[in-house]
Amino acid sequence: MARLAFNWSDVDIDELVIAGWTARDVSALEHHIEELKAIGVQPPSKVPLYYHLAACLLTQAESIQVLGDDTSGEVEPVLVGTPDRLWVTVGADHTDRKVESYGVAVAKQLCPKIVARAAWRFEEVEPHWDQLVLRSFIEEGNRKTLYQEGTLDRLRAPRELIAGWRGDARLPSRVAMFLGTMPAIGAIRSSPRFAMELEDPVLGRKLTHAYEIRALPLVS
C-alpha cells in the first residue's frame, strides 16, 4: 500500500496498474516500439498491455535512488480512484532500461513511480481531455532540455483503457493507473533530473513535479 498526499486529501493506494503501448495512432505506436527496440526491448505480445506493480513503488518524492546509470523517466497522465470520484494527475514511469531489454515487467518493478502532489477532478477535464498537453524535461549539460511533448489525443481515451483492463469504464477506489507516454525527442536517455507537467490550456492551469535521480553504484 502507498499513501499519497494531494492538494485535496490523502489517499491510500492498494493497486498500481501501468497501461503500456497505448498510442491511438498505429504509426506512433510503431515508432515507440522501434524506439524501444533500439535499446533492446522486445515488442509487446498485444496492445495495450497492463502491468501490475507493487503499490509501494508510488512516491511523491523530489529525489529518488536507483541502481546504476541505465534508468530514465517517462511522463504519463495518471488516474486515481477514490470512493466519491476519479482524479487525474501527472506521473513518471521511471524504468531500468537495461533490465527492460530482457524483461519489461521486471524492469518496471525496479524503480519508483513518481506522481505530483496536486490533482484535478477528472470530470473537469474529460470534455476536453484530448487538448491536455503532456511534457517532460531532462537536464543535459546543466541545461533544461525538452524531452517529451504531445497532446493526449495521441493516447487511447482513459475510459477505454480502464475498460480494457477490467471490462468496466469505472476505476475502482484505491487504484492508480498510468495511461501511457509520448515518444522521446531524440534517443531514450538517462538524466540526473526529470521534470514533468500536464497542461490544461482550456482552463489555464498546469500540474507539475520534478525529481532528482541519484544513481547508486552497482558494487561498493
C-alpha atoms as a PDB file:
ATOM      1  CA  MET A   1       0.000   0.000   0.000  1.00  0.00           C
ATOM      2  CA  ALA A   2       1.095   3.603  -0.605  1.00  0.00           C
ATOM      3  CA  ARG A   3      -0.310   6.773   0.931  1.00  0.00           C
ATOM      4  CA  LEU A   4      -0.317   9.786  -1.372  1.00  0.00           C
ATOM      5  CA  ALA A   5      -0.924  13.367  -0.218  1.00  0.00           C
ATOM      6  CA  PHE A   6      -2.720  15.530  -2.778  1.00  0.00           C
ATOM      7  CA  ASN A   7      -3.938  19.125  -2.642  1.00  0.00           C
ATOM      8  CA  TRP A   8      -7.438  17.875  -1.795  1.00  0.00           C
ATOM      9  CA  SER A   9      -6.789  14.973   0.609  1.00  0.00           C
ATOM     10  CA  ASP A  10      -4.656  11.985   1.453  1.00  0.00           C
ATOM     11  CA  VAL A  11      -5.464   8.738  -0.330  1.00  0.00           C
ATOM     12  CA  ASP A  12      -4.326   5.161   0.186  1.00  0.00           C
ATOM     13  CA  ILE A  13      -3.453   3.182  -2.944  1.00  0.00           C
ATOM     14  CA  ASP A  14      -3.669  -0.605  -2.820  1.00  0.00           C
ATOM     15  CA  GLU A  15      -3.237  -1.351  -6.518  1.00  0.00           C
ATOM     16  CA  LEU A  16      -0.933   0.162  -9.141  1.00  0.00           C
ATOM     17  CA  VAL A  17      -1.504  -0.525 -12.840  1.00  0.00           C
ATOM     18  CA  ILE A  18       0.550   0.773 -15.741  1.00  0.00           C
ATOM     19  CA  ALA A  19      -1.089   0.667 -19.158  1.00  0.00           C
ATOM     20  CA  GLY A  20       1.564   0.293 -21.827  1.00  0.00           C
ATOM     21  CA  TRP A  21       1.593   0.610 -25.617  1.00  0.00           C
ATOM     22  CA  THR A  22      -1.434   2.919 -25.529  1.00  0.00           C
ATOM     23  CA  ALA A  23      -0.957   5.157 -28.581  1.00  0.00           C
ATOM     24  CA  ARG A  24      -4.119   5.668 -30.668  1.00  0.00           C
ATOM     25  CA  ASP A  25      -2.139   6.217 -33.850  1.00  0.00           C
ATOM     26  CA  VAL A  26      -0.709   2.965 -35.184  1.00  0.00           C
ATOM     27  CA  SER A  27       2.264   4.742 -36.758  1.00  0.00           C
ATOM     28  CA  ALA A  28       3.059   6.472 -33.449  1.00  0.00           C
ATOM     29  CA  LEU A  29       2.816   3.149 -31.644  1.00  0.00           C
ATOM     30  CA  GLU A  30       5.150   1.540 -34.158  1.00  0.00           C
ATOM     31  CA  HIS A  31       7.558   4.461 -33.667  1.00  0.00           C
ATOM     32  CA  HIS A  32       7.615   3.891 -29.910  1.00  0.00           C
ATOM     33  CA  ILE A  33       8.098   0.145 -30.405  1.00  0.00           C
ATOM     34  CA  GLU A  34      11.025   0.817 -32.754  1.00  0.00           C
ATOM     35  CA  GLU A  35      12.397   3.378 -30.281  1.00  0.00           C
ATOM     36  CA  LEU A  36      12.452   0.748 -27.560  1.00  0.00           C
ATOM     37  CA  LYS A  37      13.732  -1.993 -29.877  1.00  0.00           C
ATOM     38  CA  ALA A  38      16.731   0.282 -30.496  1.00  0.00           C
ATOM     39  CA  ILE A  39      17.676  -0.180 -26.841  1.00  0.00           C
ATOM     40  CA  GLY A  40      16.901  -3.909 -26.871  1.00  0.00           C
ATOM     41  CA  VAL A  41      13.277  -4.009 -25.666  1.00  0.00           C
ATOM     42  CA  GLN A  42      11.193  -6.732 -27.296  1.00  0.00           C
ATOM     43  CA  PRO A  43       7.846  -5.792 -28.964  1.00  0.00           C
ATOM     44  CA  PRO A  44       4.645  -6.362 -26.931  1.00  0.00           C
ATOM     45  CA  SER A  45       2.556  -9.505 -27.358  1.00  0.00           C
ATOM     46  CA  LYS A  46      -0.577  -7.346 -27.683  1.00  0.00           C
ATOM     47  CA  VAL A  47      -1.629  -3.730 -27.249  1.00  0.00           C
ATOM     48  CA  PRO A  48      -2.398  -2.282 -24.841  1.00  0.00           C
ATOM     49  CA  LEU A  49      -0.724  -4.297 -22.088  1.00  0.00           C
ATOM     50  CA  TYR A  50      -1.424  -3.845 -18.369  1.00  0.00           C
ATOM     51  CA  TYR A  51       1.446  -4.209 -15.914  1.00  0.00           C
ATOM     52  CA  HIS A  52       0.561  -4.842 -12.267  1.00  0.00           C
ATOM     53  CA  LEU A  53       3.133  -3.314  -9.931  1.00  0.00           C
ATOM     54  CA  ALA A  54       3.639  -3.107  -6.184  1.00  0.00           C
ATOM     55  CA  ALA A  55       1.706  -0.107  -4.885  1.00  0.00           C
ATOM     56  CA  CYS A  56       4.574   0.703  -2.517  1.00  0.00           C
ATOM     57  CA  LEU A  57       6.572   1.901  -5.542  1.00  0.00           C
ATOM     58  CA  LEU A  58       4.427   5.054  -5.681  1.00  0.00           C
ATOM     59  CA  THR A  59       6.059   8.175  -4.288  1.00  0.00           C
ATOM     60  CA  GLN A  60       5.760  11.948  -4.410  1.00  0.00           C
ATOM     61  CA  ALA A  61       9.407  12.481  -3.520  1.00  0.00           C
ATOM     62  CA  GLU A  62      11.652  15.123  -5.028  1.00  0.00           C
ATOM     63  CA  SER A  63      14.601  12.722  -5.099  1.00  0.00           C
ATOM     64  CA  ILE A  64      14.814   9.001  -5.838  1.00  0.00           C
ATOM     65  CA  GLN A  65      17.567   6.396  -5.655  1.00  0.00           C
ATOM     66  CA  VAL A  66      18.119   3.877  -8.430  1.00  0.00           C
ATOM     67  CA  LEU A  67      20.736   1.228  -9.100  1.00  0.00           C
ATOM     68  CA  GLY A  68      23.213   2.150 -11.820  1.00  0.00           C
ATOM     69  CA  ASP A  69      23.084   4.634 -14.682  1.00  0.00           C
ATOM     70  CA  ASP A  70      20.622   2.904 -17.023  1.00  0.00           C
ATOM     71  CA  THR A  71      17.307   4.324 -15.828  1.00  0.00           C
ATOM     72  CA  SER A  72      15.067   7.048 -17.234  1.00  0.00           C
ATOM     73  CA  GLY A  73      11.632   8.542 -16.737  1.00  0.00           C
ATOM     74  CA  GLU A  74       8.558   8.670 -18.966  1.00  0.00           C
ATOM     75  CA  VAL A  75       5.841  11.236 -18.301  1.00  0.00           C
ATOM     76  CA  GLU A  76       2.262   9.920 -18.147  1.00  0.00           C
ATOM     77  CA  PRO A  77      -1.227  11.043 -17.137  1.00  0.00           C
ATOM     78  CA  VAL A  78      -2.300   9.152 -14.035  1.00  0.00           C
ATOM     79  CA  LEU A  79      -5.816   8.353 -12.829  1.00  0.00           C
ATOM     80  CA  VAL A  80      -6.520   7.908  -9.117  1.00  0.00           C
ATOM     81  CA  GLY A  81      -9.708   6.223  -7.949  1.00  0.00           C
ATOM     82  CA  THR A  82     -11.377   7.333  -4.702  1.00  0.00           C
ATOM     83  CA  PRO A  83     -14.775   6.426  -3.207  1.00  0.00           C
ATOM     84  CA  ASP A  84     -16.505   9.577  -4.468  1.00  0.00           C
ATOM     85  CA  ARG A  85     -14.795  10.392  -7.774  1.00  0.00           C
ATOM     86  CA  LEU A  86     -11.967   9.961 -10.251  1.00  0.00           C
ATOM     87  CA  TRP A  87      -8.911  12.219 -10.174  1.00  0.00           C
ATOM     88  CA  VAL A  88      -6.132  12.909 -12.676  1.00  0.00           C
ATOM     89  CA  THR A  89      -2.540  13.882 -12.008  1.00  0.00           C
ATOM     90  CA  VAL A  90       0.827  13.617 -13.757  1.00  0.00           C
ATOM     91  CA  GLY A  91       3.441  10.962 -13.084  1.00  0.00           C
ATOM     92  CA  ALA A  92       6.650   9.359 -14.259  1.00  0.00           C
ATOM     93  CA  ASP A  93       7.080   5.681 -15.013  1.00  0.00           C
ATOM     94  CA  HIS A  94      10.776   5.575 -14.106  1.00  0.00           C
ATOM     95  CA  THR A  95      12.248   2.359 -15.512  1.00  0.00           C
ATOM     96  CA  ASP A  96      15.536   0.464 -15.650  1.00  0.00           C
ATOM     97  CA  ARG A  97      16.275   0.399 -19.390  1.00  0.00           C
ATOM     98  CA  LYS A  98      18.992  -2.240 -19.206  1.00  0.00           C
ATOM     99  CA  VAL A  99      16.724  -4.710 -17.436  1.00  0.00           C
ATOM    100  CA  GLU A 100      13.865  -3.719 -19.756  1.00  0.00           C
ATOM    101  CA  SER A 101      15.792  -5.250 -22.662  1.00  0.00           C
ATOM    102  CA  TYR A 102      15.049  -8.722 -21.299  1.00  0.00           C
ATOM    103  CA  GLY A 103      12.016  -8.189 -19.060  1.00  0.00           C
ATOM    104  CA  VAL A 104       9.720  -5.145 -19.218  1.00  0.00           C
ATOM    105  CA  ALA A 105       7.573  -6.172 -16.245  1.00  0.00           C
ATOM    106  CA  VAL A 106      10.658  -6.839 -14.116  1.00  0.00           C
ATOM    107  CA  ALA A 107      12.264  -3.531 -15.132  1.00  0.00           C
ATOM    108  CA  LYS A 108       9.168  -1.583 -14.101  1.00  0.00           C
ATOM    109  CA  GLN A 109       9.292  -3.122 -10.625  1.00  0.00           C
ATOM    110  CA  LEU A 110      12.846  -1.921 -10.013  1.00  0.00           C
ATOM    111  CA  CYS A 111      12.262   1.842  -9.857  1.00  0.00           C
ATOM    112  CA  PRO A 112       9.920   4.191  -8.002  1.00  0.00           C
ATOM    113  CA  LYS A 113       6.885   5.601  -9.808  1.00  0.00           C
ATOM    114  CA  ILE A 114       6.637   9.302  -9.102  1.00  0.00           C
ATOM    115  CA  VAL A 115       3.417  11.344  -9.068  1.00  0.00           C
ATOM    116  CA  ALA A 116       2.710  15.034  -8.465  1.00  0.00           C
ATOM    117  CA  ARG A 117       1.255  16.400  -5.232  1.00  0.00           C
ATOM    118  CA  ALA A 118      -1.741  18.033  -6.895  1.00  0.00           C
ATOM    119  CA  ALA A 119      -4.619  16.553  -8.895  1.00  0.00           C
ATOM    120  CA  TRP A 120      -7.692  17.679 -10.827  1.00  0.00           C
ATOM    121  CA  ARG A 121     -11.203  16.272 -10.789  1.00  0.00           C
ATOM    122  CA  PHE A 122     -11.465  14.079 -13.861  1.00  0.00           C
ATOM    123  CA  GLU A 123     -14.935  15.362 -14.719  1.00  0.00           C
ATOM    124  CA  GLU A 124     -13.471  18.866 -15.099  1.00  0.00           C
ATOM    125  CA  VAL A 125     -11.131  17.791 -17.896  1.00  0.00           C
ATOM    126  CA  GLU A 126     -12.900  14.836 -19.502  1.00  0.00           C
ATOM    127  CA  PRO A 127     -14.823  17.060 -22.015  1.00  0.00           C
ATOM    128  CA  HIS A 128     -11.550  18.467 -23.379  1.00  0.00           C
ATOM    129  CA  TRP A 129      -9.217  15.599 -22.442  1.00  0.00           C
ATOM    130  CA  ASP A 130      -7.650  15.386 -25.902  1.00  0.00           C
ATOM    131  CA  GLN A 131      -6.467  19.001 -25.636  1.00  0.00           C
ATOM    132  CA  LEU A 132      -4.401  18.426 -22.479  1.00  0.00           C
ATOM    133  CA  VAL A 133      -0.655  18.642 -23.119  1.00  0.00           C
ATOM    134  CA  LEU A 134       1.886  16.259 -21.613  1.00  0.00           C
ATOM    135  CA  ARG A 135       5.546  17.350 -21.344  1.00  0.00           C
ATOM    136  CA  SER A 136       8.774  16.266 -19.728  1.00  0.00           C
ATOM    137  CA  PHE A 137      12.218  17.825 -19.431  1.00  0.00           C
ATOM    138  CA  ILE A 138      15.631  16.396 -18.630  1.00  0.00           C
ATOM    139  CA  GLU A 139      18.898  18.017 -17.615  1.00  0.00           C
ATOM    140  CA  GLU A 140      21.755  17.869 -20.101  1.00  0.00           C
ATOM    141  CA  GLY A 141      24.948  19.839 -19.659  1.00  0.00           C
ATOM    142  CA  ASN A 142      23.329  21.834 -16.837  1.00  0.00           C
ATOM    143  CA  ARG A 143      20.557  22.894 -19.216  1.00  0.00           C
ATOM    144  CA  LYS A 144      16.854  22.040 -19.141  1.00  0.00           C
ATOM    145  CA  THR A 145      16.000  20.130 -22.329  1.00  0.00           C
ATOM    146  CA  LEU A 146      12.531  19.308 -23.663  1.00  0.00           C
ATOM    147  CA  TYR A 147      12.357  15.500 -23.707  1.00  0.00           C
ATOM    148  CA  GLN A 148       8.697  14.652 -24.463  1.00  0.00           C
ATOM    149  CA  GLU A 149       5.689  16.660 -25.614  1.00  0.00           C
ATOM    150  CA  GLY A 150       2.271  15.936 -27.067  1.00  0.00           C
ATOM    151  CA  THR A 151      -1.481  16.302 -26.636  1.00  0.00           C
ATOM    152  CA  LEU A 152      -3.466  13.469 -25.087  1.00  0.00           C
ATOM    153  CA  ASP A 153      -5.323  12.788 -28.328  1.00  0.00           C
ATOM    154  CA  ARG A 154      -2.226  10.704 -29.133  1.00  0.00           C
ATOM    155  CA  LEU A 155      -3.156   8.208 -26.396  1.00  0.00           C
ATOM    156  CA  ARG A 156      -6.205   5.980 -26.040  1.00  0.00           C
ATOM    157  CA  ALA A 157      -9.081   7.520 -24.101  1.00  0.00           C
ATOM    158  CA  PRO A 158      -8.971   6.961 -20.307  1.00  0.00           C
ATOM    159  CA  ARG A 159     -12.273   5.099 -20.040  1.00  0.00           C
ATOM    160  CA  GLU A 160     -11.253   2.861 -22.950  1.00  0.00           C
ATOM    161  CA  LEU A 161      -8.078   1.924 -21.076  1.00  0.00           C
ATOM    162  CA  ILE A 162      -9.946   1.277 -17.835  1.00  0.00           C
ATOM    163  CA  ALA A 163     -12.469  -0.896 -19.665  1.00  0.00           C
ATOM    164  CA  GLY A 164      -9.662  -2.773 -21.406  1.00  0.00           C
ATOM    165  CA  TRP A 165      -8.185  -3.623 -18.045  1.00  0.00           C
ATOM    166  CA  ARG A 166     -11.285  -4.707 -16.134  1.00  0.00           C
ATOM    167  CA  GLY A 167     -14.254  -4.693 -18.526  1.00  0.00           C
ATOM    168  CA  ASP A 168     -15.798  -1.674 -16.808  1.00  0.00           C
ATOM    169  CA  ALA A 169     -15.147   2.004 -17.519  1.00  0.00           C
ATOM    170  CA  ARG A 170     -15.097   2.871 -13.803  1.00  0.00           C
ATOM    171  CA  LEU A 171     -11.771   2.812 -11.966  1.00  0.00           C
ATOM    172  CA  PRO A 172     -12.127   1.238  -8.510  1.00  0.00           C
ATOM    173  CA  SER A 173     -11.279   3.170  -5.369  1.00  0.00           C
ATOM    174  CA  ARG A 174      -7.678   2.950  -4.109  1.00  0.00           C
ATOM    175  CA  VAL A 175      -6.314   2.195  -7.597  1.00  0.00           C
ATOM    176  CA  ALA A 176      -3.783   4.294  -9.509  1.00  0.00           C
ATOM    177  CA  MET A 177      -3.444   3.767 -13.260  1.00  0.00           C
ATOM    178  CA  PHE A 178      -0.736   5.214 -15.501  1.00  0.00           C
ATOM    179  CA  LEU A 179      -2.132   5.758 -19.006  1.00  0.00           C
ATOM    180  CA  GLY A 180       0.870   5.744 -21.361  1.00  0.00           C
ATOM    181  CA  THR A 181       3.513   8.114 -22.626  1.00  0.00           C
ATOM    182  CA  MET A 182       4.861  10.068 -25.598  1.00  0.00           C
ATOM    183  CA  PRO A 183       7.945   9.204 -27.667  1.00  0.00           C
ATOM    184  CA  ALA A 184      11.189  10.817 -26.568  1.00  0.00           C
ATOM    185  CA  ILE A 185      12.543  13.733 -28.565  1.00  0.00           C
ATOM    186  CA  GLY A 186      15.793  12.137 -29.627  1.00  0.00           C
ATOM    187  CA  ALA A 187      17.024   8.903 -28.074  1.00  0.00           C
ATOM    188  CA  ILE A 188      15.802   7.498 -24.775  1.00  0.00           C
ATOM    189  CA  ARG A 189      18.473   8.546 -22.290  1.00  0.00           C
ATOM    190  CA  SER A 190      19.273   8.983 -18.624  1.00  0.00           C
ATOM    191  CA  SER A 191      19.435  12.283 -16.790  1.00  0.00           C
ATOM    192  CA  PRO A 192      20.188  13.440 -13.237  1.00  0.00           C
ATOM    193  CA  ARG A 193      16.854  15.310 -13.137  1.00  0.00           C
ATOM    194  CA  PHE A 194      13.393  14.722 -14.585  1.00  0.00           C
ATOM    195  CA  ALA A 195      10.626  17.336 -14.690  1.00  0.00           C
ATOM    196  CA  MET A 196       7.069  16.719 -15.866  1.00  0.00           C
ATOM    197  CA  GLU A 197       3.878  18.633 -16.453  1.00  0.00           C
ATOM    198  CA  LEU A 198       0.296  18.211 -17.587  1.00  0.00           C
ATOM    199  CA  GLU A 199      -1.111  21.432 -19.037  1.00  0.00           C
ATOM    200  CA  ASP A 200      -4.799  22.286 -19.345  1.00  0.00           C
ATOM    201  CA  PRO A 201      -4.930  25.047 -21.999  1.00  0.00           C
ATOM    202  CA  VAL A 202      -8.723  25.311 -21.733  1.00  0.00           C
ATOM    203  CA  LEU A 203      -8.846  26.105 -18.003  1.00  0.00           C
ATOM    204  CA  GLY A 204      -5.397  27.705 -17.955  1.00  0.00           C
ATOM    205  CA  ARG A 205      -3.529  25.588 -15.402  1.00  0.00           C
ATOM    206  CA  LYS A 206      -0.759  23.007 -15.026  1.00  0.00           C
ATOM    207  CA  LEU A 207       0.136  20.068 -12.832  1.00  0.00           C
ATOM    208  CA  THR A 208       3.908  19.902 -12.328  1.00  0.00           C
ATOM    209  CA  HIS A 209       6.512  17.898 -10.452  1.00  0.00           C
ATOM    210  CA  ALA A 210      10.264  17.334 -10.697  1.00  0.00           C
ATOM    211  CA  TYR A 211      12.701  14.975  -9.038  1.00  0.00           C
ATOM    212  CA  GLU A 212      16.416  14.285  -8.837  1.00  0.00           C
ATOM    213  CA  ILE A 213      17.804  10.859  -9.723  1.00  0.00           C
ATOM    214  CA  ARG A 214      20.620   9.524  -7.559  1.00  0.00           C
ATOM    215  CA  ALA A 215      22.361   6.561  -9.184  1.00  0.00           C
ATOM    216  CA  LEU A 216      23.739   4.135  -6.624  1.00  0.00           C
ATOM    217  CA  PRO A 217      26.881   2.145  -7.533  1.00  0.00           C
ATOM    218  CA  LEU A 218      26.374  -1.417  -8.720  1.00  0.00           C
ATOM    219  CA  VAL A 219      29.120  -2.564  -6.336  1.00  0.00           C
ATOM    220  CA  SER A 220      30.693  -0.986  -3.264  1.00  0.00           C
END
